[in-house]
Amino acid sequence: MCYDKPTGYPERSLVPMNNQHKEERRKNQRFPFREDILIDGAKLCTSNEISEGGLFVSAIQIFEEGEVIDVTIPLGGEQITVKGQVKYCQPGIGMGVMFHNLNNEQKAKIKKLVDRVSARSS
């Protein structure tokens, strides 16, 4: 079940992203990344942003906070499927997914993708 606002986070986490006074709690810089991705091999969703640590996915479906899911991301002419943990879910809007238990090869591929995306957005 999703909640109207993330649980376990301080109220400041609900401040709009363009507010410069907001304390940033993310470890990795995020970049725009609008791509169709698959969740658990069957649910087609659209990603909005990506970082080396995870991504934000627009999704109508409801996912449980803490749930571990398979995320399939387009990577040039191929795809990569990694595990992700749902960190928060906003019904009808989307969810924040943190990459989970990536091996070195997966980390390198995600880093290469993020580097390519960041170069396009600068």
N, C-alpha and C. Protein backbone atom coordinates (compact mmCIF):
# COMPACT_ATOMS: atom_id res chain seq x y z
N MET A 1 0.84 -1.18 0.00
CA MET A 1 0.00 0.00 0.00
C MET A 1 0.88 1.24 0.00
N CYS A 2 0.47 2.24 -0.75
CA CYS A 2 1.18 3.52 -0.77
C CYS A 2 0.54 4.48 0.20
N TYR A 3 1.27 5.50 0.53
CA TYR A 3 0.78 6.51 1.44
C TYR A 3 0.75 7.86 0.75
N ASP A 4 -0.04 8.80 1.27
CA ASP A 4 -0.14 10.12 0.67
C ASP A 4 1.18 10.88 0.72
N LYS A 5 1.97 10.60 1.71
CA LYS A 5 3.29 11.21 1.79
C LYS A 5 4.25 10.16 2.32
N PRO A 6 5.54 10.30 2.02
CA PRO A 6 6.49 9.32 2.50
C PRO A 6 6.47 9.24 4.02
N THR A 7 6.54 8.04 4.55
CA THR A 7 6.59 7.88 6.00
C THR A 7 8.04 7.73 6.42
N GLY A 8 8.33 8.15 7.62
CA GLY A 8 9.68 8.02 8.12
C GLY A 8 10.63 9.10 7.65
N TYR A 9 10.14 10.05 6.87
CA TYR A 9 10.97 11.16 6.40
C TYR A 9 10.50 12.43 7.09
N PRO A 10 11.41 13.34 7.37
CA PRO A 10 10.99 14.60 7.97
C PRO A 10 10.10 15.38 7.01
N GLU A 11 9.29 16.25 7.56
CA GLU A 11 8.33 17.02 6.76
C GLU A 11 9.01 17.80 5.64
N ARG A 12 10.27 18.22 5.83
CA ARG A 12 10.95 19.00 4.80
C ARG A 12 11.11 18.23 3.49
N SER A 13 10.97 16.89 3.52
CA SER A 13 11.12 16.12 2.29
C SER A 13 9.98 16.38 1.32
N LEU A 14 8.92 17.07 1.76
CA LEU A 14 7.79 17.36 0.90
C LEU A 14 7.88 18.73 0.25
N VAL A 15 8.95 19.46 0.52
CA VAL A 15 9.15 20.78 -0.07
C VAL A 15 9.44 20.60 -1.56
N PRO A 16 8.87 21.45 -2.43
CA PRO A 16 9.12 21.31 -3.87
C PRO A 16 10.61 21.29 -4.18
N MET A 17 10.97 20.53 -5.23
CA MET A 17 12.38 20.32 -5.57
C MET A 17 13.12 21.60 -5.92
N ASN A 18 12.41 22.65 -6.39
CA ASN A 18 13.10 23.87 -6.79
C ASN A 18 13.39 24.80 -5.61
N ASN A 19 13.02 24.42 -4.40
CA ASN A 19 13.28 25.23 -3.22
C ASN A 19 14.74 25.06 -2.81
N GLN A 20 15.53 26.12 -2.93
CA GLN A 20 16.96 26.04 -2.66
C GLN A 20 17.26 25.86 -1.18
N HIS A 21 16.30 26.11 -0.30
CA HIS A 21 16.54 25.98 1.13
C HIS A 21 16.32 24.56 1.62
N LYS A 22 15.83 23.70 0.77
CA LYS A 22 15.54 22.33 1.15
C LYS A 22 16.85 21.59 1.42
N GLU A 23 16.90 20.87 2.51
CA GLU A 23 18.08 20.07 2.81
C GLU A 23 18.08 18.85 1.89
N GLU A 24 19.12 18.68 1.15
CA GLU A 24 19.22 17.56 0.21
C GLU A 24 19.67 16.32 0.97
N ARG A 25 18.91 15.23 0.86
CA ARG A 25 19.26 14.00 1.55
C ARG A 25 19.75 12.93 0.59
N ARG A 26 19.78 13.21 -0.69
CA ARG A 26 20.23 12.23 -1.67
C ARG A 26 21.75 12.25 -1.78
N LYS A 27 22.32 11.09 -2.06
CA LYS A 27 23.76 10.97 -2.19
C LYS A 27 24.23 11.26 -3.61
N ASN A 28 23.35 11.03 -4.60
CA ASN A 28 23.74 11.15 -6.00
C ASN A 28 22.92 12.21 -6.71
N GLN A 29 23.57 12.92 -7.62
CA GLN A 29 22.87 13.93 -8.41
C GLN A 29 21.91 13.24 -9.38
N ARG A 30 20.71 13.80 -9.53
CA ARG A 30 19.69 13.23 -10.42
C ARG A 30 19.68 14.00 -11.73
N PHE A 31 19.29 13.27 -12.80
CA PHE A 31 19.22 13.87 -14.13
C PHE A 31 17.91 13.45 -14.81
N PRO A 32 17.37 14.32 -15.66
CA PRO A 32 16.15 13.95 -16.39
C PRO A 32 16.39 12.69 -17.22
N PHE A 33 15.44 11.76 -17.15
CA PHE A 33 15.57 10.50 -17.88
C PHE A 33 14.17 9.97 -18.17
N ARG A 34 13.61 10.41 -19.30
CA ARG A 34 12.25 10.00 -19.67
C ARG A 34 12.36 8.82 -20.63
N GLU A 35 12.19 7.63 -20.08
CA GLU A 35 12.28 6.41 -20.85
C GLU A 35 11.22 5.43 -20.35
N ASP A 36 10.74 4.59 -21.26
CA ASP A 36 9.85 3.51 -20.85
C ASP A 36 10.69 2.42 -20.20
N ILE A 37 10.25 1.98 -19.03
CA ILE A 37 10.93 0.90 -18.33
C ILE A 37 9.89 -0.15 -17.95
N LEU A 38 10.37 -1.32 -17.62
CA LEU A 38 9.48 -2.39 -17.16
C LEU A 38 9.72 -2.65 -15.69
N ILE A 39 8.63 -2.84 -14.96
CA ILE A 39 8.69 -3.23 -13.56
C ILE A 39 8.22 -4.67 -13.48
N ASP A 40 9.02 -5.50 -12.85
CA ASP A 40 8.72 -6.92 -12.70
C ASP A 40 8.40 -7.59 -14.03
N GLY A 41 9.03 -7.12 -15.11
CA GLY A 41 8.91 -7.75 -16.41
C GLY A 41 7.58 -7.58 -17.12
N ALA A 42 6.62 -6.88 -16.49
CA ALA A 42 5.29 -6.81 -17.09
C ALA A 42 4.63 -5.43 -17.03
N LYS A 43 4.95 -4.62 -16.05
CA LYS A 43 4.28 -3.33 -15.88
C LYS A 43 5.10 -2.24 -16.56
N LEU A 44 4.55 -1.67 -17.63
CA LEU A 44 5.23 -0.61 -18.36
C LEU A 44 5.02 0.71 -17.64
N CYS A 45 6.11 1.38 -17.33
CA CYS A 45 6.08 2.67 -16.64
C CYS A 45 7.05 3.61 -17.34
N THR A 46 7.05 4.87 -16.92
CA THR A 46 7.96 5.85 -17.48
C THR A 46 8.83 6.41 -16.36
N SER A 47 10.13 6.39 -16.58
CA SER A 47 11.03 7.01 -15.61
C SER A 47 11.08 8.51 -15.88
N ASN A 48 11.31 9.28 -14.83
CA ASN A 48 11.43 10.74 -14.96
C ASN A 48 12.85 11.21 -14.72
N GLU A 49 13.50 10.57 -13.74
CA GLU A 49 14.85 10.98 -13.35
C GLU A 49 15.65 9.73 -13.01
N ILE A 50 16.97 9.86 -13.13
CA ILE A 50 17.85 8.76 -12.77
C ILE A 50 19.10 9.31 -12.09
N SER A 51 19.68 8.52 -11.21
CA SER A 51 20.98 8.81 -10.60
C SER A 51 21.69 7.47 -10.46
N GLU A 52 22.91 7.51 -9.99
CA GLU A 52 23.63 6.26 -9.76
C GLU A 52 23.00 5.45 -8.64
N GLY A 53 22.17 6.10 -7.83
CA GLY A 53 21.55 5.41 -6.70
C GLY A 53 20.14 4.92 -6.93
N GLY A 54 19.46 5.42 -7.97
CA GLY A 54 18.09 5.00 -8.19
C GLY A 54 17.39 5.86 -9.23
N LEU A 55 16.06 5.77 -9.25
CA LEU A 55 15.29 6.56 -10.21
C LEU A 55 13.90 6.84 -9.68
N PHE A 56 13.25 7.83 -10.29
CA PHE A 56 11.85 8.12 -10.00
C PHE A 56 11.04 7.62 -11.19
N VAL A 57 9.98 6.90 -10.89
CA VAL A 57 9.16 6.27 -11.92
C VAL A 57 7.73 6.77 -11.81
N SER A 58 7.17 7.27 -12.92
CA SER A 58 5.75 7.60 -12.97
C SER A 58 4.99 6.28 -13.10
N ALA A 59 4.07 6.05 -12.19
CA ALA A 59 3.32 4.79 -12.20
C ALA A 59 1.96 4.98 -11.56
N ILE A 60 0.96 4.44 -12.19
CA ILE A 60 -0.38 4.46 -11.63
C ILE A 60 -0.53 3.32 -10.61
N GLN A 61 0.17 2.22 -10.87
CA GLN A 61 0.09 1.07 -9.99
C GLN A 61 0.59 1.43 -8.59
N ILE A 62 0.10 0.68 -7.62
CA ILE A 62 0.51 0.90 -6.23
C ILE A 62 1.53 -0.16 -5.85
N PHE A 63 2.65 0.29 -5.32
CA PHE A 63 3.70 -0.60 -4.85
C PHE A 63 3.92 -0.36 -3.37
N GLU A 64 4.24 -1.41 -2.65
CA GLU A 64 4.48 -1.31 -1.21
C GLU A 64 5.85 -0.69 -0.94
N GLU A 65 5.90 0.21 0.01
CA GLU A 65 7.19 0.75 0.43
C GLU A 65 8.02 -0.39 0.98
N GLY A 66 9.29 -0.45 0.57
CA GLY A 66 10.18 -1.52 1.01
C GLY A 66 10.19 -2.72 0.07
N GLU A 67 9.21 -2.79 -0.83
CA GLU A 67 9.12 -3.91 -1.76
C GLU A 67 10.33 -3.90 -2.70
N VAL A 68 10.89 -5.08 -2.97
CA VAL A 68 11.99 -5.21 -3.91
C VAL A 68 11.40 -5.65 -5.25
N ILE A 69 11.73 -4.90 -6.29
CA ILE A 69 11.17 -5.12 -7.62
C ILE A 69 12.29 -5.28 -8.64
N ASP A 70 11.95 -5.87 -9.78
CA ASP A 70 12.88 -5.92 -10.91
C ASP A 70 12.60 -4.72 -11.79
N VAL A 71 13.65 -3.99 -12.15
CA VAL A 71 13.53 -2.80 -12.99
C VAL A 71 14.36 -3.04 -14.26
N THR A 72 13.69 -2.99 -15.41
CA THR A 72 14.37 -3.17 -16.69
C THR A 72 14.48 -1.82 -17.38
N ILE A 73 15.71 -1.39 -17.63
CA ILE A 73 16.01 -0.06 -18.14
C ILE A 73 16.66 -0.19 -19.51
N PRO A 74 16.21 0.62 -20.50
CA PRO A 74 16.89 0.59 -21.80
C PRO A 74 18.30 1.15 -21.67
N LEU A 75 19.22 0.49 -22.36
CA LEU A 75 20.63 0.87 -22.26
C LEU A 75 21.23 0.81 -23.65
N GLY A 76 21.08 1.91 -24.40
CA GLY A 76 21.53 1.91 -25.78
C GLY A 76 20.70 0.92 -26.57
N GLY A 77 21.33 -0.06 -27.20
CA GLY A 77 20.60 -1.05 -27.97
C GLY A 77 20.22 -2.28 -27.16
N GLU A 78 20.52 -2.27 -25.87
CA GLU A 78 20.20 -3.41 -25.02
C GLU A 78 19.38 -2.96 -23.83
N GLN A 79 19.18 -3.86 -22.89
CA GLN A 79 18.48 -3.54 -21.66
C GLN A 79 19.27 -4.09 -20.49
N ILE A 80 19.04 -3.50 -19.33
CA ILE A 80 19.63 -4.02 -18.10
C ILE A 80 18.50 -4.19 -17.10
N THR A 81 18.47 -5.32 -16.43
CA THR A 81 17.49 -5.57 -15.38
C THR A 81 18.23 -5.63 -14.05
N VAL A 82 17.78 -4.79 -13.12
CA VAL A 82 18.39 -4.71 -11.80
C VAL A 82 17.29 -4.78 -10.74
N LYS A 83 17.71 -5.04 -9.52
CA LYS A 83 16.78 -5.01 -8.39
C LYS A 83 16.69 -3.57 -7.90
N GLY A 84 15.50 -3.20 -7.47
CA GLY A 84 15.29 -1.89 -6.87
C GLY A 84 14.36 -2.02 -5.69
N GLN A 85 14.54 -1.16 -4.72
CA GLN A 85 13.66 -1.16 -3.54
C GLN A 85 12.82 0.11 -3.57
N VAL A 86 11.51 -0.06 -3.43
CA VAL A 86 10.59 1.08 -3.40
C VAL A 86 10.82 1.83 -2.09
N LYS A 87 11.29 3.08 -2.21
CA LYS A 87 11.55 3.89 -1.02
C LYS A 87 10.32 4.67 -0.59
N TYR A 88 9.54 5.11 -1.56
CA TYR A 88 8.26 5.76 -1.26
C TYR A 88 7.38 5.64 -2.49
N CYS A 89 6.09 5.74 -2.27
CA CYS A 89 5.13 5.62 -3.36
C CYS A 89 4.02 6.65 -3.15
N GLN A 90 3.71 7.38 -4.21
CA GLN A 90 2.62 8.36 -4.17
C GLN A 90 1.56 7.87 -5.15
N PRO A 91 0.41 7.39 -4.65
CA PRO A 91 -0.62 6.81 -5.52
C PRO A 91 -0.99 7.74 -6.68
N GLY A 92 -0.98 7.18 -7.89
CA GLY A 92 -1.35 7.94 -9.07
C GLY A 92 -0.27 8.86 -9.60
N ILE A 93 0.84 8.97 -8.88
CA ILE A 93 1.93 9.86 -9.29
C ILE A 93 3.17 9.05 -9.65
N GLY A 94 3.67 8.30 -8.71
CA GLY A 94 4.87 7.51 -8.98
C GLY A 94 5.56 7.07 -7.72
N MET A 95 6.81 6.63 -7.91
CA MET A 95 7.55 6.09 -6.77
C MET A 95 9.04 6.34 -6.94
N GLY A 96 9.69 6.46 -5.80
CA GLY A 96 11.14 6.54 -5.76
C GLY A 96 11.70 5.15 -5.56
N VAL A 97 12.63 4.76 -6.41
CA VAL A 97 13.22 3.43 -6.36
C VAL A 97 14.72 3.56 -6.17
N MET A 98 15.24 2.89 -5.15
CA MET A 98 16.68 2.86 -4.91
C MET A 98 17.22 1.54 -5.45
N PHE A 99 18.29 1.63 -6.27
CA PHE A 99 18.90 0.40 -6.77
C PHE A 99 19.35 -0.44 -5.59
N HIS A 100 19.22 -1.77 -5.73
CA HIS A 100 19.40 -2.68 -4.60
C HIS A 100 20.33 -3.83 -4.98
N ASN A 101 21.39 -4.02 -4.21
CA ASN A 101 22.32 -5.14 -4.38
C ASN A 101 22.88 -5.26 -5.80
N LEU A 102 23.33 -4.14 -6.37
CA LEU A 102 23.92 -4.19 -7.70
C LEU A 102 25.30 -4.85 -7.64
N ASN A 103 25.59 -5.67 -8.64
CA ASN A 103 26.95 -6.20 -8.72
C ASN A 103 27.82 -5.16 -9.44
N ASN A 104 29.11 -5.41 -9.53
CA ASN A 104 30.03 -4.42 -10.12
C ASN A 104 29.71 -4.12 -11.57
N GLU A 105 29.32 -5.14 -12.32
CA GLU A 105 28.98 -4.94 -13.74
C GLU A 105 27.74 -4.06 -13.87
N GLN A 106 26.73 -4.32 -13.05
CA GLN A 106 25.51 -3.49 -13.09
C GLN A 106 25.81 -2.06 -12.68
N LYS A 107 26.63 -1.87 -11.63
CA LYS A 107 27.01 -0.52 -11.20
C LYS A 107 27.70 0.23 -12.33
N ALA A 108 28.60 -0.46 -13.02
CA ALA A 108 29.34 0.18 -14.11
C ALA A 108 28.40 0.58 -15.25
N LYS A 109 27.44 -0.28 -15.58
CA LYS A 109 26.49 0.04 -16.65
C LYS A 109 25.58 1.20 -16.26
N ILE A 110 25.12 1.22 -15.02
CA ILE A 110 24.28 2.33 -14.56
C ILE A 110 25.09 3.62 -14.56
N LYS A 111 26.34 3.56 -14.09
CA LYS A 111 27.18 4.76 -14.09
C LYS A 111 27.39 5.28 -15.50
N LYS A 112 27.66 4.39 -16.45
CA LYS A 112 27.85 4.79 -17.84
C LYS A 112 26.58 5.45 -18.39
N LEU A 113 25.42 4.88 -18.08
CA LEU A 113 24.14 5.46 -18.51
C LEU A 113 23.95 6.85 -17.90
N VAL A 114 24.18 6.98 -16.60
CA VAL A 114 24.02 8.27 -15.93
C VAL A 114 25.00 9.30 -16.49
N ASP A 115 26.22 8.89 -16.77
CA ASP A 115 27.21 9.81 -17.37
C ASP A 115 26.70 10.29 -18.73
N ARG A 116 26.15 9.39 -19.53
CA ARG A 116 25.64 9.77 -20.85
C ARG A 116 24.45 10.72 -20.71
N VAL A 117 23.55 10.41 -19.78
CA VAL A 117 22.37 11.26 -19.56
C VAL A 117 22.79 12.63 -19.04
N SER A 118 23.76 12.67 -18.14
CA SER A 118 24.19 13.96 -17.57
C SER A 118 24.84 14.83 -18.63
N ALA A 119 25.57 14.23 -19.57
CA ALA A 119 26.19 14.99 -20.65
C ALA A 119 25.14 15.62 -21.56
N ARG A 120 24.02 14.90 -21.78
CA ARG A 120 22.94 15.43 -22.61
C ARG A 120 22.22 16.59 -21.92
N SER A 121 22.15 16.55 -20.58
CA SER A 121 21.38 17.57 -19.88
C SER A 121 22.19 18.81 -19.56
N SER A 122 23.50 18.80 -19.83
CA SER A 122 24.30 20.00 -19.51
C SER A 122 24.41 20.94 -20.67
